[in-house]
Amino acid sequence: MSAPHGRAASPFRQPKAVWAVAFACVISFMGIGLVDPILPALADSLHATPSQVSLLFSSYLIVTAVAMLFVGWFSSRFGAKRTLVVGLAVIVVFAALAGTTDSINGIVGFRAGWGLGNALFIATSLAVIVASASGGFGGAIILYETALGLGIAVGPLLGGELGAISWRGPFFGVAALMAVALLATLAFVPSMPKPARPTSPIAPLKALRHRGLLTMGIMALLYNWGFFTMLGYAPYPMKLDAHELGLVFTGWGLLVAAFSVFFAPRLQARFGTAPVLYANLLGLGIVMAVIAAGVGSPTVVIAAVVISGCFIGINNTLTTQAVMLVSPVERPVASSAYGFLRFIGGGLAPFVAGKLADATDLSVPFYLGAATFVLAIPVLASGHGLLRKAEEGPEEAPVAAPSLVAVGEPAGWDTPRVIVAVGAHGGAPAIVDAAARLARETGSPLEVVHVRETVVVEEQAVEPEGAEEARAAVSAHLARLAAHGVTASGQVLTSVGDHAAAGRVLAEHAARVGARAVAVGRSPRGPLAQFADGSITSALTHGAPCDVLLVDAESVPRQLTKGTLAELRDSAV
């Protein structure tokens, strides 16, 4: 075989374009938590009430929500790089203006402009990182998730440090850092081709006609209502200065990031998306009720807010995946429709909370937030059937369910086959060739299964490769194998977000065709991601009735079991 061999490249060895956008992502993800530590200081310095200050969230999020309906159209018409540049420029201008004003109304207005820039940026940042990455998209996703975690965790800390100097500090800080990101984007990010078919500006609203997407969107609206009630009002009863508030929300942000990236996929794989969301929403409702009941005790409020980071991290990951699983429309359109409902809930909550707090007392908004978390449970339950079908992947499931599609003529072999599962990365040919040697040694035909993933991170979903690109990749493998006399066939396995579901579908396929073995190679995302609970490899290993083998060019195949998965995972720590 002539395929190149070698170890997967580090996910952090990326082109300058990827690093430029990743840096901007860190600053963008700081945006929400950055202002939390300065909320009480703003109220004192500008002689404003908490309800007036809360409009910083409302104006920002409502404009973001409405803009989400149109950013897909804008990006498809003007291109991803121009969309990024315009978004970054808008953030720089309005963040700086917010730092120069002397009135709360001025800050509220400039935060609205900031929200427009944020919508333009977040709608295209993940797609640009994936498109610019080297060695496949796995490393790009790791980098994006790292930027997400850093932004969420560091935002409150930076806001607290700068806010301790002046409440203007966080605004000027964001403007300066985003200006650096803007220059880097202009210098290093290349122009990217526009999609062949522009997105309709009303496509996201039309998508909400689909019951599954609307149901999950309303559930997200209710969840975000409670979330932003806590984020907008919890700093006041803590009675801390800007520096201390920054430390509290940094602890909260660290838990959000950790539970989003590491724990949510494992819980999803073990219990399923809907059961985890039910328990999570109930847990958030209880935490908010504790804040409401203990609003007079700073210690209670601080502890409850930090603990809520665990639930919020899980919910942020699984809610988006639930939306994508039940959505029958294109992923970018589904992301825009979902983002619209999600941010509308987050924007209205601080405004209503302020009115309630002024008319009653500070505990009432938190009790309402607890109620919205709990109300999201029956809303989710009304779409449980659609979600379950999507995860199980039967014939009548929505189009987002994992599915196998043959490339070329379907195989009609009587001899047990070896199946090799590969993704879209530079090491795929070497993995296929290693599996081909295994097939020759056992006298078996080879079936190449190319896994085509829709990547879901936070509210963003991106398809790193199109259906035709995936088919072309399989055809290239088959042509190379045929030239070396290897009997082979190919399929494309399409998966959305839930890696374990794709692993189960592949395991069921192996059982159905009576496969001799299933071969996998090492993932460019690294052993921690590949061998963790909730991964394709883990679900395949636990579900396949035949041997699952780890193959590469430099060593003999290694059988994967529950024990070896743990060994491989632990060896990377």
Protein backbone atom coordinates (compact mmCIF):
# COMPACT_ATOMS: atom_id res chain seq x y z
CA MET A 1 0.00 0.00 0.00
CA SER A 2 1.17 3.51 -0.75
CA ALA A 3 -0.69 5.53 1.84
CA PRO A 4 1.42 7.71 4.11
CA HIS A 5 1.90 6.50 7.65
CA GLY A 6 2.74 8.19 10.88
CA ARG A 7 1.33 9.51 14.07
CA ALA A 8 -1.48 12.03 14.12
CA ALA A 9 -0.32 15.61 14.37
CA SER A 10 -0.88 17.58 17.51
CA PRO A 11 -4.21 19.43 17.46
CA PHE A 12 -2.30 22.56 18.47
CA ARG A 13 -0.09 22.52 15.35
CA GLN A 14 -2.43 24.59 13.24
CA PRO A 15 -2.16 27.35 10.63
CA LYS A 16 -2.06 30.97 11.76
CA ALA A 17 -5.63 31.44 10.51
CA VAL A 18 -6.91 28.90 13.04
CA TRP A 19 -5.02 30.55 15.90
CA ALA A 20 -6.28 33.99 14.91
CA VAL A 21 -9.93 32.91 15.03
CA ALA A 22 -9.39 30.78 18.16
CA PHE A 23 -7.99 33.84 19.97
CA ALA A 24 -11.03 35.84 18.92
CA CYS A 25 -13.24 33.00 20.20
CA VAL A 26 -11.66 33.22 23.64
CA ILE A 27 -12.46 36.94 23.83
CA SER A 28 -15.96 36.42 22.43
CA PHE A 29 -16.77 33.72 24.99
CA MET A 30 -15.60 36.11 27.71
CA GLY A 31 -18.38 38.51 26.70
CA ILE A 32 -21.14 37.34 29.04
CA GLY A 33 -19.15 36.58 32.21
CA LEU A 34 -16.92 39.60 31.78
CA VAL A 35 -19.56 42.10 32.92
CA ASP A 36 -20.90 40.11 35.89
CA PRO A 37 -18.23 41.28 38.37
CA ILE A 38 -18.93 44.98 37.59
CA LEU A 39 -22.75 44.94 37.82
CA PRO A 40 -22.92 46.28 41.41
CA ALA A 41 -20.18 48.83 40.62
CA LEU A 42 -22.13 50.04 37.58
CA ALA A 43 -25.24 50.47 39.69
CA ASP A 44 -23.33 52.50 42.29
CA SER A 45 -21.24 54.61 39.91
CA LEU A 46 -24.05 55.50 37.52
CA HIS A 47 -26.76 55.77 40.19
CA ALA A 48 -28.81 53.06 38.50
CA THR A 49 -31.07 50.38 39.91
CA PRO A 50 -30.29 46.68 39.42
CA SER A 51 -33.22 46.45 37.00
CA GLN A 52 -31.72 49.21 34.85
CA VAL A 53 -28.29 47.56 34.89
CA SER A 54 -29.86 44.22 33.91
CA LEU A 55 -30.78 45.74 30.57
CA LEU A 56 -27.10 45.28 29.61
CA PHE A 57 -27.97 41.61 29.18
CA SER A 58 -31.38 42.22 27.61
CA SER A 59 -30.22 44.57 24.86
CA TYR A 60 -27.19 42.40 24.07
CA LEU A 61 -29.10 39.11 23.90
CA ILE A 62 -32.27 40.32 22.15
CA VAL A 63 -30.25 41.90 19.35
CA THR A 64 -28.13 38.73 19.15
CA ALA A 65 -31.33 36.67 18.92
CA VAL A 66 -32.85 38.69 16.07
CA ALA A 67 -29.53 38.86 14.23
CA MET A 68 -29.21 35.05 14.40
CA LEU A 69 -32.10 34.87 11.93
CA PHE A 70 -30.11 36.74 9.28
CA VAL A 71 -26.44 35.90 9.84
CA GLY A 72 -26.71 32.70 7.78
CA TRP A 73 -28.00 34.71 4.83
CA PHE A 74 -25.32 37.38 5.35
CA SER A 75 -22.51 34.81 5.51
CA SER A 76 -23.74 32.92 2.44
CA ARG A 77 -23.95 36.19 0.48
CA PHE A 78 -20.73 37.91 1.56
CA GLY A 79 -18.53 35.00 2.65
CA ALA A 80 -17.29 33.68 6.00
CA LYS A 81 -14.21 35.91 6.28
CA ARG A 82 -16.12 39.14 5.60
CA THR A 83 -18.75 38.08 8.13
CA LEU A 84 -16.05 37.47 10.74
CA VAL A 85 -14.33 40.78 10.03
CA VAL A 86 -17.56 42.79 10.17
CA GLY A 87 -18.57 41.06 13.41
CA LEU A 88 -15.20 41.72 15.05
CA ALA A 89 -15.15 45.35 13.91
CA VAL A 90 -18.64 45.95 15.30
CA ILE A 91 -17.63 44.45 18.66
CA VAL A 92 -14.50 46.63 18.83
CA VAL A 93 -16.43 49.83 18.10
CA PHE A 94 -19.36 49.24 20.45
CA ALA A 95 -17.29 47.80 23.33
CA ALA A 96 -15.09 50.91 23.21
CA LEU A 97 -18.12 53.21 23.05
CA ALA A 98 -19.64 51.43 26.07
CA GLY A 99 -16.48 52.29 28.01
CA THR A 100 -16.67 55.97 27.13
CA THR A 101 -20.30 56.68 28.05
CA ASP A 102 -21.40 58.15 31.38
CA SER A 103 -24.96 56.83 31.48
CA ILE A 104 -26.52 53.44 31.96
CA ASN A 105 -28.76 54.04 28.95
CA GLY A 106 -25.68 54.63 26.82
CA ILE A 107 -24.11 51.35 27.92
CA VAL A 108 -27.37 49.49 27.27
CA GLY A 109 -27.53 50.92 23.76
CA PHE A 110 -23.91 50.15 22.94
CA ARG A 111 -24.28 46.61 24.31
CA ALA A 112 -27.04 46.15 21.71
CA GLY A 113 -24.52 46.96 18.97
CA TRP A 114 -22.07 44.59 20.63
CA GLY A 115 -24.74 41.88 20.39
CA LEU A 116 -25.01 42.37 16.62
CA GLY A 117 -21.27 41.89 16.24
CA ASN A 118 -21.36 38.86 18.50
CA ALA A 119 -24.05 37.19 16.36
CA LEU A 120 -22.04 37.73 13.17
CA PHE A 121 -18.94 36.32 14.82
CA ILE A 122 -20.27 33.24 16.58
CA ALA A 123 -22.29 32.15 13.54
CA THR A 124 -19.15 31.69 11.45
CA SER A 125 -16.21 31.18 13.83
CA LEU A 126 -16.50 27.39 14.21
CA ALA A 127 -16.96 26.88 10.47
CA VAL A 128 -13.88 29.01 9.69
CA ILE A 129 -11.73 27.13 12.22
CA VAL A 130 -12.81 23.76 10.81
CA ALA A 131 -12.26 24.89 7.20
CA SER A 132 -8.79 26.32 7.98
CA ALA A 133 -7.51 23.43 10.10
CA SER A 134 -4.74 21.09 8.99
CA GLY A 135 -4.84 17.31 9.33
CA GLY A 136 -8.62 16.98 9.57
CA PHE A 137 -11.16 18.76 11.72
CA GLY A 138 -10.59 16.80 14.96
CA GLY A 139 -7.76 19.05 16.11
CA ALA A 140 -9.77 22.13 15.19
CA ILE A 141 -12.63 21.03 17.43
CA ILE A 142 -10.24 20.49 20.34
CA LEU A 143 -8.90 24.00 19.81
CA TYR A 144 -12.41 25.48 19.62
CA GLU A 145 -13.49 23.67 22.80
CA THR A 146 -10.31 24.88 24.51
CA ALA A 147 -11.11 28.46 23.47
CA LEU A 148 -14.66 27.99 24.76
CA GLY A 149 -13.43 26.77 28.15
CA LEU A 150 -10.82 29.50 28.49
CA GLY A 151 -13.27 32.24 27.57
CA ILE A 152 -15.95 31.09 30.00
CA ALA A 153 -13.47 30.61 32.84
CA VAL A 154 -11.18 33.60 32.29
CA GLY A 155 -13.88 36.14 31.38
CA PRO A 156 -15.09 36.74 34.95
CA LEU A 157 -11.53 36.78 36.26
CA LEU A 158 -10.43 39.43 33.76
CA GLY A 159 -13.65 41.35 34.35
CA GLY A 160 -13.02 41.31 38.07
CA GLU A 161 -9.39 42.46 37.78
CA LEU A 162 -10.15 45.25 35.32
CA GLY A 163 -13.36 46.15 37.14
CA ALA A 164 -11.42 46.58 40.38
CA ILE A 165 -9.60 49.45 38.67
CA SER A 166 -12.66 50.96 37.00
CA TRP A 167 -16.02 49.73 35.72
CA ARG A 168 -14.87 50.98 32.31
CA GLY A 169 -11.93 48.57 32.31
CA PRO A 170 -13.71 45.44 31.01
CA PHE A 171 -15.22 47.34 28.07
CA PHE A 172 -11.91 48.86 26.99
CA GLY A 173 -10.19 45.52 27.61
CA VAL A 174 -12.53 43.68 25.23
CA ALA A 175 -12.18 46.42 22.61
CA ALA A 176 -8.37 46.21 22.72
CA LEU A 177 -8.21 42.41 22.61
CA MET A 178 -10.81 42.17 19.84
CA ALA A 179 -8.87 44.77 17.84
CA VAL A 180 -5.84 42.47 17.99
CA ALA A 181 -8.04 39.56 16.88
CA LEU A 182 -9.45 41.68 14.03
CA LEU A 183 -5.96 42.52 12.73
CA ALA A 184 -4.92 38.86 12.99
CA THR A 185 -8.04 37.76 11.10
CA LEU A 186 -7.40 40.29 8.33
CA ALA A 187 -3.76 39.19 8.07
CA PHE A 188 -3.98 35.41 8.37
CA VAL A 189 -7.47 34.15 7.49
CA PRO A 190 -7.78 33.54 3.73
CA SER A 191 -10.91 34.32 1.75
CA MET A 192 -13.26 31.35 1.62
CA PRO A 193 -15.64 30.27 -1.13
CA LYS A 194 -19.29 31.11 -0.71
CA PRO A 195 -21.80 28.25 -0.63
CA ALA A 196 -23.23 27.24 -3.99
CA ARG A 197 -26.75 28.04 -2.78
CA PRO A 198 -27.33 31.16 -0.62
CA THR A 199 -29.33 30.72 2.56
CA SER A 200 -32.77 32.33 2.58
CA PRO A 201 -33.12 35.10 5.20
CA ILE A 202 -36.44 33.59 6.33
CA ALA A 203 -35.21 29.97 6.40
CA PRO A 204 -34.73 29.90 10.22
CA LEU A 205 -38.30 31.11 10.83
CA LYS A 206 -39.65 28.56 8.35
CA ALA A 207 -37.67 25.85 10.14
CA LEU A 208 -39.60 26.53 13.35
CA ARG A 209 -42.66 25.01 11.68
CA HIS A 210 -41.11 21.62 12.41
CA ARG A 211 -42.44 20.30 15.70
CA GLY A 212 -39.18 18.80 16.95
CA LEU A 213 -37.12 21.93 16.38
CA LEU A 214 -39.80 24.21 17.86
CA THR A 215 -40.22 21.98 20.93
CA MET A 216 -36.51 21.85 21.69
CA GLY A 217 -36.22 25.57 20.97
CA ILE A 218 -38.93 26.42 23.50
CA MET A 219 -37.23 24.16 26.03
CA ALA A 220 -33.99 26.08 25.42
CA LEU A 221 -35.85 29.40 25.79
CA LEU A 222 -37.13 28.37 29.23
CA TYR A 223 -33.70 27.08 30.25
CA ASN A 224 -32.00 30.31 29.21
CA TRP A 225 -34.65 32.36 31.03
CA GLY A 226 -33.55 30.78 34.29
CA PHE A 227 -29.86 30.86 33.40
CA PHE A 228 -29.72 34.58 32.60
CA THR A 229 -31.90 35.46 35.59
CA MET A 230 -29.19 33.95 37.74
CA LEU A 231 -26.36 35.53 35.76
CA GLY A 232 -27.97 39.00 35.81
CA TYR A 233 -29.10 39.14 39.44
CA ALA A 234 -26.96 36.75 41.52
CA PRO A 235 -24.07 39.25 41.93
CA TYR A 236 -26.18 41.65 44.04
CA PRO A 237 -27.01 39.45 47.06
CA MET A 238 -23.39 38.19 47.16
CA LYS A 239 -22.29 41.62 48.49
CA LEU A 240 -18.75 41.27 47.07
CA ASP A 241 -16.44 43.72 45.32
CA ALA A 242 -15.50 43.35 41.64
CA HIS A 243 -12.35 41.32 42.33
CA GLU A 244 -14.16 38.86 44.62
CA LEU A 245 -17.07 38.51 42.19
CA GLY A 246 -14.56 37.73 39.45
CA LEU A 247 -13.14 34.86 41.49
CA VAL A 248 -16.60 33.43 42.23
CA PHE A 249 -17.67 33.46 38.60
CA THR A 250 -14.31 32.06 37.52
CA GLY A 251 -15.00 29.02 39.71
CA TRP A 252 -18.43 28.81 38.13
CA GLY A 253 -16.92 29.11 34.62
CA LEU A 254 -14.38 26.36 35.25
CA LEU A 255 -17.19 23.97 36.20
CA VAL A 256 -19.24 25.01 33.15
CA ALA A 257 -16.31 24.27 30.84
CA ALA A 258 -15.35 20.97 32.51
CA PHE A 259 -18.86 19.53 32.63
CA SER A 260 -19.60 20.70 29.08
CA VAL A 261 -16.57 19.06 27.47
CA PHE A 262 -15.79 16.05 29.68
CA PHE A 263 -18.85 14.96 31.64
CA ALA A 264 -21.81 15.68 29.35
CA PRO A 265 -20.79 13.16 26.64
CA ARG A 266 -20.25 10.40 29.20
CA LEU A 267 -23.59 10.97 30.91
CA GLN A 268 -25.30 11.11 27.52
CA ALA A 269 -23.75 7.80 26.45
CA ARG A 270 -24.73 6.05 29.67
CA PHE A 271 -28.26 7.36 30.25
CA GLY A 272 -29.38 8.98 26.98
CA THR A 273 -29.94 12.64 26.09
CA ALA A 274 -33.48 13.11 27.42
CA PRO A 275 -33.02 11.44 30.87
CA VAL A 276 -29.88 13.49 31.54
CA LEU A 277 -31.67 16.70 30.54
CA TYR A 278 -34.66 15.85 32.79
CA ALA A 279 -32.39 15.36 35.82
CA ASN A 280 -30.30 18.38 34.91
CA LEU A 281 -33.25 20.77 34.57
CA LEU A 282 -34.66 19.53 37.88
CA GLY A 283 -31.25 20.07 39.49
CA LEU A 284 -31.12 23.63 38.15
CA GLY A 285 -34.63 24.27 39.45
CA ILE A 286 -33.57 23.14 42.92
CA VAL A 287 -30.40 25.28 42.84
CA MET A 288 -32.40 28.36 41.82
CA ALA A 289 -34.95 27.71 44.55
CA VAL A 290 -32.08 27.53 47.05
CA ILE A 291 -30.80 30.93 45.81
CA ALA A 292 -34.30 32.39 46.15
CA ALA A 293 -34.82 31.01 49.67
CA GLY A 294 -31.32 32.01 50.77
CA VAL A 295 -31.13 35.36 49.00
CA GLY A 296 -30.36 37.05 52.33
CA SER A 297 -27.25 34.89 52.86
CA PRO A 298 -24.27 35.69 50.60
CA THR A 299 -22.66 32.34 51.44
CA VAL A 300 -25.71 30.39 50.26
CA VAL A 301 -25.96 32.37 47.02
CA ILE A 302 -22.23 32.03 46.27
CA ALA A 303 -22.22 28.25 46.84
CA ALA A 304 -25.39 27.70 44.80
CA VAL A 305 -24.12 29.77 41.85
CA VAL A 306 -20.80 27.92 41.73
CA ILE A 307 -22.55 24.52 41.91
CA SER A 308 -24.92 25.55 39.11
CA GLY A 309 -21.92 25.57 36.77
CA CYS A 310 -22.02 21.74 36.73
CA PHE A 311 -25.63 21.67 35.52
CA ILE A 312 -25.20 24.55 33.07
CA GLY A 313 -22.18 22.91 31.42
CA ILE A 314 -24.13 19.70 30.82
CA ASN A 315 -27.22 21.52 29.62
CA ASN A 316 -25.37 23.76 27.17
CA THR A 317 -23.91 20.70 25.43
CA LEU A 318 -26.90 18.37 25.41
CA THR A 319 -29.58 20.95 24.58
CA THR A 320 -27.84 21.83 21.31
CA GLN A 321 -27.37 18.15 20.46
CA ALA A 322 -31.05 17.48 21.16
CA VAL A 323 -31.98 20.27 18.75
CA MET A 324 -29.74 18.87 16.01
CA LEU A 325 -30.93 15.30 16.52
CA VAL A 326 -34.61 16.11 15.95
CA SER A 327 -34.13 18.82 13.33
CA PRO A 328 -35.04 17.84 9.73
CA VAL A 329 -33.42 20.94 8.20
CA GLU A 330 -29.84 21.91 7.33
CA ARG A 331 -27.60 22.26 10.40
CA PRO A 332 -26.73 25.98 9.97
CA VAL A 333 -30.44 26.81 9.56
CA ALA A 334 -31.32 24.76 12.65
CA SER A 335 -28.53 26.54 14.60
CA SER A 336 -29.92 29.96 13.64
CA ALA A 337 -33.51 29.04 14.54
CA TYR A 338 -32.42 27.53 17.85
CA GLY A 339 -30.15 30.49 18.61
CA PHE A 340 -33.04 32.89 18.01
CA LEU A 341 -35.29 31.20 20.59
CA ARG A 342 -32.46 30.58 23.02
CA PHE A 343 -31.22 34.17 23.10
CA ILE A 344 -34.75 35.60 23.17
CA GLY A 345 -35.32 33.74 26.43
CA GLY A 346 -32.02 34.97 27.80
CA GLY A 347 -32.77 38.57 26.77
CA LEU A 348 -36.29 38.82 28.16
CA ALA A 349 -35.41 37.23 31.52
CA PRO A 350 -33.30 40.07 33.01
CA PHE A 351 -35.88 42.66 31.95
CA VAL A 352 -38.77 40.79 33.57
CA ALA A 353 -36.65 39.94 36.60
CA GLY A 354 -35.89 43.63 37.11
CA LYS A 355 -39.55 44.58 37.01
CA LEU A 356 -40.42 41.82 39.48
CA ALA A 357 -37.59 42.76 41.84
CA ASP A 358 -38.65 46.41 41.84
CA ALA A 359 -42.30 45.52 42.49
CA THR A 360 -41.69 42.79 45.11
CA ASP A 361 -38.31 41.66 46.45
CA LEU A 362 -35.12 40.07 45.11
CA SER A 363 -36.20 36.49 45.79
CA VAL A 364 -39.13 36.55 43.33
CA PRO A 365 -37.06 36.62 40.09
CA PHE A 366 -35.11 33.60 41.33
CA TYR A 367 -38.31 31.69 42.16
CA LEU A 368 -39.55 32.48 38.64
CA GLY A 369 -36.22 31.24 37.23
CA ALA A 370 -36.61 28.01 39.19
CA ALA A 371 -40.10 27.61 37.76
CA THR A 372 -38.89 28.06 34.17
CA PHE A 373 -36.26 25.37 34.66
CA VAL A 374 -38.92 22.95 35.93
CA LEU A 375 -41.42 23.99 33.22
CA ALA A 376 -38.83 23.05 30.60
CA ILE A 377 -39.16 19.39 31.69
CA PRO A 378 -42.72 18.78 30.39
CA VAL A 379 -41.85 20.75 27.24
CA LEU A 380 -38.92 18.40 26.66
CA ALA A 381 -41.15 15.41 27.46
CA SER A 382 -43.54 16.41 24.66
CA GLY A 383 -40.69 15.82 22.21
CA HIS A 384 -39.21 12.78 23.96
CA GLY A 385 -40.46 10.37 21.32
CA LEU A 386 -38.74 12.22 18.49
CA LEU A 387 -35.51 12.41 20.47
CA ARG A 388 -35.58 8.72 21.36
CA LYS A 389 -36.14 7.72 17.73
CA ALA A 390 -33.27 9.94 16.61
CA GLU A 391 -30.88 8.37 19.13
CA GLU A 392 -31.94 4.81 18.33
CA GLY A 393 -31.84 5.42 14.59
CA PRO A 394 -34.73 3.26 13.27
CA GLU A 395 -36.15 3.55 9.78
CA GLU A 396 -38.79 6.13 10.69
CA ALA A 397 -36.40 8.38 12.64
CA PRO A 398 -35.72 12.00 11.64
CA VAL A 399 -33.04 12.62 9.04
CA ALA A 400 -30.57 13.54 11.79
CA ALA A 401 -30.40 9.94 13.03
CA PRO A 402 -27.09 8.12 12.32
CA SER A 403 -27.42 6.36 8.97
CA LEU A 404 -25.36 4.19 6.62
CA VAL A 405 -25.40 4.82 2.86
CA ALA A 406 -23.60 2.52 0.43
CA VAL A 407 -21.07 3.96 -2.03
CA GLY A 408 -21.27 2.09 -5.32
CA GLU A 409 -22.75 -1.39 -5.53
CA PRO A 410 -23.75 -2.91 -2.17
CA ALA A 411 -21.62 -5.89 -1.18
CA GLY A 412 -23.21 -9.35 -1.41
CA TRP A 413 -20.48 -11.36 0.26
CA ASP A 414 -21.10 -14.69 1.98
CA THR A 415 -17.69 -14.59 3.66
CA PRO A 416 -17.51 -12.70 6.99
CA ARG A 417 -15.99 -9.29 6.35
CA VAL A 418 -13.59 -6.99 8.15
CA ILE A 419 -15.05 -3.50 8.64
CA VAL A 420 -12.76 -0.48 9.03
CA ALA A 421 -14.16 2.82 10.36
CA VAL A 422 -12.29 6.01 9.46
CA GLY A 423 -12.91 9.74 9.54
CA ALA A 424 -11.93 12.77 7.48
CA HIS A 425 -8.29 13.21 8.46
CA GLY A 426 -4.85 12.72 6.96
CA GLY A 427 -4.21 9.40 8.71
CA ALA A 428 -7.27 7.66 7.22
CA PRO A 429 -5.47 5.99 4.27
CA ALA A 430 -2.92 4.42 6.61
CA ILE A 431 -5.70 3.03 8.82
CA VAL A 432 -7.52 1.56 5.80
CA ASP A 433 -4.29 -0.03 4.58
CA ALA A 434 -3.61 -1.58 7.99
CA ALA A 435 -7.13 -3.02 8.00
CA ALA A 436 -6.58 -4.33 4.45
CA ARG A 437 -3.57 -6.33 5.65
CA LEU A 438 -5.73 -7.77 8.43
CA ALA A 439 -8.41 -8.71 5.88
CA ARG A 440 -5.83 -10.47 3.68
CA GLU A 441 -4.42 -12.43 6.60
CA THR A 442 -7.90 -13.72 7.51
CA GLY A 443 -9.09 -14.25 3.94
CA SER A 444 -11.86 -11.68 4.36
CA PRO A 445 -13.26 -8.93 2.15
CA LEU A 446 -12.96 -5.37 3.51
CA GLU A 447 -15.73 -2.84 4.04
CA VAL A 448 -14.65 0.80 4.43
CA VAL A 449 -17.02 2.90 6.54
CA HIS A 450 -16.30 6.63 6.36
CA VAL A 451 -17.75 8.44 9.39
CA ARG A 452 -19.13 11.84 8.36
CA GLU A 453 -19.80 13.91 11.47
CA THR A 454 -21.81 17.05 12.11
CA VAL A 455 -19.87 18.74 14.90
CA VAL A 456 -21.95 20.33 17.66
CA VAL A 457 -20.30 22.71 20.14
CA GLU A 458 -22.47 24.96 22.31
CA GLU A 459 -25.14 26.50 20.05
CA GLN A 460 -23.07 25.97 16.89
CA ALA A 461 -23.28 23.05 14.46
CA VAL A 462 -21.04 22.70 11.42
CA GLU A 463 -20.61 20.05 8.74
CA PRO A 464 -16.84 19.76 8.11
CA GLU A 465 -17.43 17.86 4.87
CA GLY A 466 -20.35 17.52 2.50
CA ALA A 467 -22.00 14.30 1.39
CA GLU A 468 -20.18 14.34 -1.96
CA GLU A 469 -16.82 14.89 -0.26
CA ALA A 470 -17.44 11.90 2.00
CA ARG A 471 -18.40 9.71 -0.97
CA ALA A 472 -15.28 10.86 -2.83
CA ALA A 473 -13.12 9.89 0.16
CA VAL A 474 -14.62 6.38 0.16
CA SER A 475 -14.19 6.09 -3.62
CA ALA A 476 -10.51 7.04 -3.26
CA HIS A 477 -9.99 4.31 -0.64
CA LEU A 478 -11.74 1.75 -2.85
CA ALA A 479 -9.72 2.70 -5.94
CA ARG A 480 -6.44 2.34 -4.05
CA LEU A 481 -7.51 -1.01 -2.56
CA ALA A 482 -8.62 -2.33 -5.98
CA ALA A 483 -5.22 -1.43 -7.46
CA HIS A 484 -3.66 -3.75 -4.87
CA GLY A 485 -6.11 -6.58 -5.46
CA VAL A 486 -8.12 -6.09 -2.23
CA THR A 487 -11.81 -6.98 -2.44
CA ALA A 488 -13.61 -4.05 -0.85
CA SER A 489 -16.86 -2.10 -0.62
CA GLY A 490 -17.70 1.24 1.02
CA GLN A 491 -20.31 3.09 3.04
CA VAL A 492 -20.76 6.54 4.57
CA LEU A 493 -22.00 6.73 8.17
CA THR A 494 -23.54 10.16 8.84
CA SER A 495 -23.69 11.23 12.49
CA VAL A 496 -24.90 14.36 14.33
CA GLY A 497 -23.22 15.31 17.59
CA ASP A 498 -23.98 12.12 19.54
CA HIS A 499 -20.87 10.02 18.92
CA ALA A 500 -22.13 7.07 20.97
CA ALA A 501 -25.22 6.77 18.75
CA ALA A 502 -22.97 6.45 15.68
CA GLY A 503 -20.94 3.77 17.47
CA ARG A 504 -24.10 1.82 18.28
CA VAL A 505 -25.30 2.01 14.66
CA LEU A 506 -21.93 0.67 13.46
CA ALA A 507 -22.05 -2.13 16.06
CA GLU A 508 -25.57 -3.09 14.93
CA HIS A 509 -24.39 -3.11 11.31
CA ALA A 510 -21.49 -5.41 12.23
CA ALA A 511 -23.94 -7.78 13.91
CA ARG A 512 -26.35 -7.70 10.98
CA VAL A 513 -23.72 -8.63 8.37
CA GLY A 514 -21.88 -11.10 10.61
CA ALA A 515 -18.58 -9.18 10.52
CA ARG A 516 -15.39 -10.99 11.50
CA ALA A 517 -13.91 -7.86 13.09
CA VAL A 518 -14.19 -4.06 13.13
CA ALA A 519 -10.95 -2.07 12.86
CA VAL A 520 -10.40 1.50 14.00
CA GLY A 521 -7.30 3.69 14.03
CA ARG A 522 -6.10 6.33 16.42
CA SER A 523 -8.12 9.53 16.33
CA PRO A 524 -6.47 12.92 15.75
CA ARG A 525 -8.52 14.14 18.72
CA GLY A 526 -6.27 12.08 21.01
CA PRO A 527 -6.81 9.10 23.32
CA LEU A 528 -8.73 11.00 26.00
CA ALA A 529 -11.50 11.83 23.53
CA GLN A 530 -11.33 8.62 21.49
CA PHE A 531 -11.46 6.12 24.34
CA ALA A 532 -13.72 8.05 26.74
CA ASP A 533 -17.22 6.88 27.59
CA GLY A 534 -19.54 8.39 25.00
CA SER A 535 -17.13 8.13 22.06
CA ILE A 536 -17.74 6.18 18.84
CA THR A 537 -14.90 3.79 19.70
CA SER A 538 -16.23 3.13 23.21
CA ALA A 539 -19.82 2.53 22.07
CA LEU A 540 -18.60 0.29 19.24
CA THR A 541 -16.41 -1.74 21.60
CA HIS A 542 -19.25 -2.30 24.06
CA GLY A 543 -21.89 -3.05 21.39
CA ALA A 544 -20.21 -5.04 18.64
CA PRO A 545 -20.60 -8.86 18.76
CA CYS A 546 -17.21 -9.34 17.08
CA ASP A 547 -13.66 -8.27 17.87
CA VAL A 548 -12.93 -4.54 17.73
CA LEU A 549 -9.28 -3.94 16.88
CA LEU A 550 -7.06 -0.87 17.11
CA VAL A 551 -4.81 -0.88 14.04
CA ASP A 552 -1.87 1.19 12.84
CA ALA A 553 1.08 0.80 10.50
CA GLU A 554 3.72 0.26 13.17
CA SER A 555 2.32 -2.46 15.45
CA VAL A 556 0.13 -5.54 15.50
CA PRO A 557 -3.63 -5.00 15.90
CA ARG A 558 -4.74 -4.64 19.54
CA GLN A 559 -8.11 -5.94 20.67
CA LEU A 560 -10.23 -3.35 22.43
CA THR A 561 -12.14 -4.29 25.54
CA LYS A 562 -13.53 -2.37 28.48
CA GLY A 563 -10.20 -2.88 30.23
CA THR A 564 -7.98 -1.83 27.32
CA LEU A 565 -10.12 1.27 26.71
CA ALA A 566 -9.39 2.35 30.29
CA GLU A 567 -5.67 1.58 29.87
CA LEU A 568 -5.41 3.58 26.65
CA ARG A 569 -7.35 6.46 28.18
CA ASP A 570 -5.27 6.49 31.36
CA SER A 571 -1.99 6.31 29.44
CA ALA A 572 -2.69 9.77 28.03
CA VAL A 573 -3.13 11.41 31.41
